[in-house]
Amino acid sequence: MEAFLQKATGGKVALSDITVENGRINGLDAPLDRLLNDPGQNQTYLDYRADILAIKNYEKMHGYSLPGEFRARYAVNGETIRTIGI
């Protein structure tokens, strides 16, 4: 998510700059704000939105963020997704 945000905002917004209030992601510039908060049927942005909401929910529940260097690789086979490396 961090790499996506850095690329999408030209390095202006980090995950730590974002907040979530009433299911709305705050702290983004207009184009990205619209894509993430109103993604319509765009699966890519629906996935990014779900990831951000999950991360921010984790932070809220546990009082700290996920490790900054956390990385995972996934294998997709039809409708099955599995982690192949962390």
N, C-alpha and C. Protein backbone atom coordinates (compact mmCIF):
# COMPACT_ATOMS: atom_id res chain seq x y z
N MET A 1 0.82 -1.18 0.00
CA MET A 1 0.00 0.00 0.00
C MET A 1 0.86 1.24 0.00
N GLU A 2 1.94 1.20 0.75
CA GLU A 2 2.81 2.38 0.82
C GLU A 2 3.35 2.74 -0.56
N ALA A 3 3.82 1.74 -1.29
CA ALA A 3 4.36 1.99 -2.63
C ALA A 3 3.28 2.53 -3.56
N PHE A 4 2.07 1.97 -3.48
CA PHE A 4 0.97 2.46 -4.30
C PHE A 4 0.68 3.93 -4.00
N LEU A 5 0.57 4.27 -2.72
CA LEU A 5 0.27 5.66 -2.34
C LEU A 5 1.38 6.61 -2.78
N GLN A 6 2.62 6.20 -2.60
CA GLN A 6 3.74 7.05 -3.02
C GLN A 6 3.70 7.31 -4.52
N LYS A 7 3.44 6.27 -5.29
CA LYS A 7 3.39 6.42 -6.75
C LYS A 7 2.17 7.23 -7.18
N ALA A 8 1.02 6.94 -6.60
CA ALA A 8 -0.23 7.60 -7.00
C ALA A 8 -0.27 9.08 -6.61
N THR A 9 0.49 9.47 -5.58
CA THR A 9 0.45 10.86 -5.12
C THR A 9 1.75 11.60 -5.39
N GLY A 10 2.64 11.00 -6.15
CA GLY A 10 3.91 11.65 -6.42
C GLY A 10 4.74 11.84 -5.17
N GLY A 11 4.60 10.93 -4.21
CA GLY A 11 5.37 10.99 -2.98
C GLY A 11 4.81 11.93 -1.93
N LYS A 12 3.62 12.50 -2.16
CA LYS A 12 3.05 13.48 -1.22
C LYS A 12 2.31 12.85 -0.05
N VAL A 13 1.80 11.63 -0.22
CA VAL A 13 0.98 11.02 0.83
C VAL A 13 1.52 9.64 1.17
N ALA A 14 1.70 9.42 2.47
CA ALA A 14 2.11 8.12 2.99
C ALA A 14 0.91 7.51 3.72
N LEU A 15 0.97 6.25 3.98
CA LEU A 15 -0.10 5.56 4.69
C LEU A 15 -0.36 6.21 6.05
N SER A 16 0.69 6.69 6.68
CA SER A 16 0.54 7.33 7.98
C SER A 16 -0.19 8.67 7.90
N ASP A 17 -0.30 9.25 6.72
CA ASP A 17 -1.01 10.52 6.54
C ASP A 17 -2.51 10.33 6.40
N ILE A 18 -2.94 9.10 6.19
CA ILE A 18 -4.34 8.81 5.89
C ILE A 18 -5.09 8.47 7.18
N THR A 19 -6.33 8.94 7.24
CA THR A 19 -7.22 8.56 8.33
C THR A 19 -8.51 8.01 7.72
N VAL A 20 -9.27 7.31 8.53
CA VAL A 20 -10.56 6.79 8.09
C VAL A 20 -11.61 7.25 9.09
N GLU A 21 -12.67 7.84 8.58
CA GLU A 21 -13.76 8.29 9.42
C GLU A 21 -15.07 7.92 8.78
N ASN A 22 -15.88 7.17 9.50
CA ASN A 22 -17.18 6.72 8.99
C ASN A 22 -17.06 6.02 7.64
N GLY A 23 -16.02 5.20 7.48
CA GLY A 23 -15.83 4.44 6.26
C GLY A 23 -15.28 5.23 5.10
N ARG A 24 -14.91 6.49 5.33
CA ARG A 24 -14.35 7.34 4.27
C ARG A 24 -12.87 7.55 4.52
N ILE A 25 -12.06 7.39 3.48
CA ILE A 25 -10.62 7.58 3.55
C ILE A 25 -10.33 9.06 3.38
N ASN A 26 -9.64 9.65 4.35
CA ASN A 26 -9.32 11.08 4.32
C ASN A 26 -7.82 11.29 4.19
N GLY A 27 -7.44 12.44 3.61
CA GLY A 27 -6.04 12.80 3.49
C GLY A 27 -5.48 12.62 2.09
N LEU A 28 -6.35 12.42 1.12
CA LEU A 28 -5.93 12.20 -0.27
C LEU A 28 -6.28 13.39 -1.15
N ASP A 29 -5.52 13.60 -2.20
CA ASP A 29 -5.86 14.61 -3.20
C ASP A 29 -7.10 14.17 -3.97
N ALA A 30 -7.75 15.14 -4.60
CA ALA A 30 -9.05 14.93 -5.25
C ALA A 30 -9.13 13.71 -6.18
N PRO A 31 -8.24 13.54 -7.16
CA PRO A 31 -8.44 12.39 -8.07
C PRO A 31 -8.37 11.05 -7.35
N LEU A 32 -7.38 10.88 -6.49
CA LEU A 32 -7.23 9.61 -5.78
C LEU A 32 -8.33 9.45 -4.73
N ASP A 33 -8.73 10.55 -4.11
CA ASP A 33 -9.83 10.52 -3.15
C ASP A 33 -11.09 9.95 -3.81
N ARG A 34 -11.39 10.43 -4.98
CA ARG A 34 -12.58 9.96 -5.71
C ARG A 34 -12.45 8.49 -6.09
N LEU A 35 -11.28 8.09 -6.56
CA LEU A 35 -11.07 6.69 -6.98
C LEU A 35 -11.18 5.72 -5.82
N LEU A 36 -10.68 6.10 -4.65
CA LEU A 36 -10.70 5.18 -3.52
C LEU A 36 -12.00 5.23 -2.73
N ASN A 37 -12.62 6.40 -2.64
CA ASN A 37 -13.86 6.51 -1.86
C ASN A 37 -15.10 6.20 -2.68
N ASP A 38 -15.03 6.32 -3.98
CA ASP A 38 -16.15 6.01 -4.86
C ASP A 38 -15.65 5.21 -6.06
N PRO A 39 -15.14 3.98 -5.83
CA PRO A 39 -14.53 3.22 -6.91
C PRO A 39 -15.50 2.61 -7.91
N GLY A 40 -16.80 2.67 -7.62
CA GLY A 40 -17.76 2.05 -8.52
C GLY A 40 -17.48 0.56 -8.64
N GLN A 41 -17.36 0.06 -9.87
CA GLN A 41 -17.10 -1.36 -10.11
C GLN A 41 -15.63 -1.64 -10.44
N ASN A 42 -14.75 -0.64 -10.25
CA ASN A 42 -13.34 -0.81 -10.56
C ASN A 42 -12.69 -1.70 -9.50
N GLN A 43 -12.47 -2.95 -9.83
CA GLN A 43 -11.98 -3.93 -8.86
C GLN A 43 -10.63 -3.56 -8.28
N THR A 44 -9.76 -2.96 -9.07
CA THR A 44 -8.45 -2.56 -8.57
C THR A 44 -8.60 -1.59 -7.41
N TYR A 45 -9.41 -0.56 -7.60
CA TYR A 45 -9.58 0.44 -6.55
C TYR A 45 -10.46 -0.06 -5.41
N LEU A 46 -11.35 -0.98 -5.68
CA LEU A 46 -12.10 -1.63 -4.61
C LEU A 46 -11.13 -2.40 -3.70
N ASP A 47 -10.16 -3.07 -4.31
CA ASP A 47 -9.16 -3.82 -3.55
C ASP A 47 -8.26 -2.88 -2.75
N TYR A 48 -7.78 -1.79 -3.38
CA TYR A 48 -6.95 -0.82 -2.66
C TYR A 48 -7.72 -0.24 -1.48
N ARG A 49 -8.97 0.09 -1.70
CA ARG A 49 -9.82 0.65 -0.64
C ARG A 49 -9.95 -0.35 0.52
N ALA A 50 -10.24 -1.60 0.18
CA ALA A 50 -10.39 -2.63 1.21
C ALA A 50 -9.09 -2.80 2.00
N ASP A 51 -7.97 -2.75 1.31
CA ASP A 51 -6.67 -2.89 1.99
C ASP A 51 -6.43 -1.73 2.95
N ILE A 52 -6.69 -0.52 2.51
CA ILE A 52 -6.49 0.65 3.37
C ILE A 52 -7.41 0.58 4.58
N LEU A 53 -8.67 0.24 4.36
CA LEU A 53 -9.62 0.15 5.47
C LEU A 53 -9.18 -0.93 6.47
N ALA A 54 -8.69 -2.06 5.97
CA ALA A 54 -8.23 -3.14 6.85
C ALA A 54 -7.01 -2.71 7.66
N ILE A 55 -6.07 -2.04 7.02
CA ILE A 55 -4.87 -1.58 7.72
C ILE A 55 -5.23 -0.58 8.79
N LYS A 56 -6.07 0.38 8.45
CA LYS A 56 -6.46 1.41 9.42
C LYS A 56 -7.30 0.82 10.55
N ASN A 57 -8.10 -0.18 10.26
CA ASN A 57 -8.86 -0.86 11.31
C ASN A 57 -7.91 -1.60 12.25
N TYR A 58 -6.91 -2.25 11.69
CA TYR A 58 -5.89 -2.94 12.50
C TYR A 58 -5.21 -1.94 13.43
N GLU A 59 -4.80 -0.80 12.87
CA GLU A 59 -4.14 0.22 13.68
C GLU A 59 -5.04 0.69 14.82
N LYS A 60 -6.31 0.89 14.52
CA LYS A 60 -7.26 1.36 15.53
C LYS A 60 -7.44 0.31 16.64
N MET A 61 -7.56 -0.95 16.25
CA MET A 61 -7.80 -2.01 17.21
C MET A 61 -6.58 -2.32 18.07
N HIS A 62 -5.38 -2.24 17.48
CA HIS A 62 -4.18 -2.66 18.18
C HIS A 62 -3.33 -1.50 18.69
N GLY A 63 -3.64 -0.29 18.26
CA GLY A 63 -2.91 0.87 18.75
C GLY A 63 -1.55 1.09 18.11
N TYR A 64 -1.22 0.36 17.07
CA TYR A 64 0.03 0.58 16.36
C TYR A 64 -0.11 0.10 14.92
N SER A 65 0.80 0.54 14.07
CA SER A 65 0.71 0.18 12.66
C SER A 65 1.38 -1.15 12.36
N LEU A 66 1.05 -1.64 11.20
CA LEU A 66 1.73 -2.83 10.71
C LEU A 66 3.19 -2.49 10.44
N PRO A 67 4.08 -3.44 10.49
CA PRO A 67 5.48 -3.16 10.17
C PRO A 67 5.60 -2.53 8.79
N GLY A 68 6.36 -1.46 8.69
CA GLY A 68 6.50 -0.73 7.43
C GLY A 68 7.08 -1.51 6.29
N GLU A 69 7.90 -2.47 6.59
CA GLU A 69 8.53 -3.25 5.53
C GLU A 69 7.82 -4.56 5.26
N PHE A 70 6.61 -4.71 5.74
CA PHE A 70 5.85 -5.94 5.51
C PHE A 70 5.61 -6.13 4.02
N ARG A 71 5.93 -7.31 3.51
CA ARG A 71 5.70 -7.63 2.10
C ARG A 71 5.14 -9.04 2.03
N ALA A 72 4.28 -9.24 1.06
CA ALA A 72 3.73 -10.58 0.85
C ALA A 72 3.58 -10.82 -0.65
N ARG A 73 3.71 -12.07 -1.06
CA ARG A 73 3.49 -12.45 -2.45
C ARG A 73 2.35 -13.44 -2.47
N TYR A 74 1.57 -13.36 -3.51
CA TYR A 74 0.38 -14.20 -3.61
C TYR A 74 0.37 -14.95 -4.93
N ALA A 75 -0.23 -16.12 -4.91
CA ALA A 75 -0.47 -16.90 -6.13
C ALA A 75 -1.98 -16.95 -6.33
N VAL A 76 -2.40 -16.64 -7.54
CA VAL A 76 -3.83 -16.65 -7.86
C VAL A 76 -4.07 -17.75 -8.88
N ASN A 77 -5.02 -18.62 -8.54
CA ASN A 77 -5.38 -19.72 -9.43
C ASN A 77 -6.90 -19.74 -9.50
N GLY A 78 -7.44 -19.18 -10.55
CA GLY A 78 -8.90 -19.09 -10.66
C GLY A 78 -9.42 -18.17 -9.58
N GLU A 79 -10.21 -18.70 -8.67
CA GLU A 79 -10.77 -17.90 -7.60
C GLU A 79 -10.03 -18.11 -6.27
N THR A 80 -8.93 -18.85 -6.29
CA THR A 80 -8.18 -19.14 -5.08
C THR A 80 -6.94 -18.26 -5.02
N ILE A 81 -6.77 -17.60 -3.88
CA ILE A 81 -5.59 -16.78 -3.63
C ILE A 81 -4.87 -17.36 -2.42
N ARG A 82 -3.56 -17.57 -2.55
CA ARG A 82 -2.80 -18.08 -1.41
C ARG A 82 -1.49 -17.31 -1.28
N THR A 83 -1.03 -17.17 -0.06
CA THR A 83 0.23 -16.50 0.21
C THR A 83 1.36 -17.47 -0.11
N ILE A 84 2.35 -17.00 -0.87
CA ILE A 84 3.49 -17.87 -1.21
C ILE A 84 4.79 -17.36 -0.61
N GLY A 85 4.78 -16.20 -0.05
CA GLY A 85 5.99 -15.68 0.58
C GLY A 85 5.69 -14.43 1.38
N ILE A 86 6.33 -14.33 2.51
CA ILE A 86 6.15 -13.15 3.36
C ILE A 86 7.53 -12.59 3.67
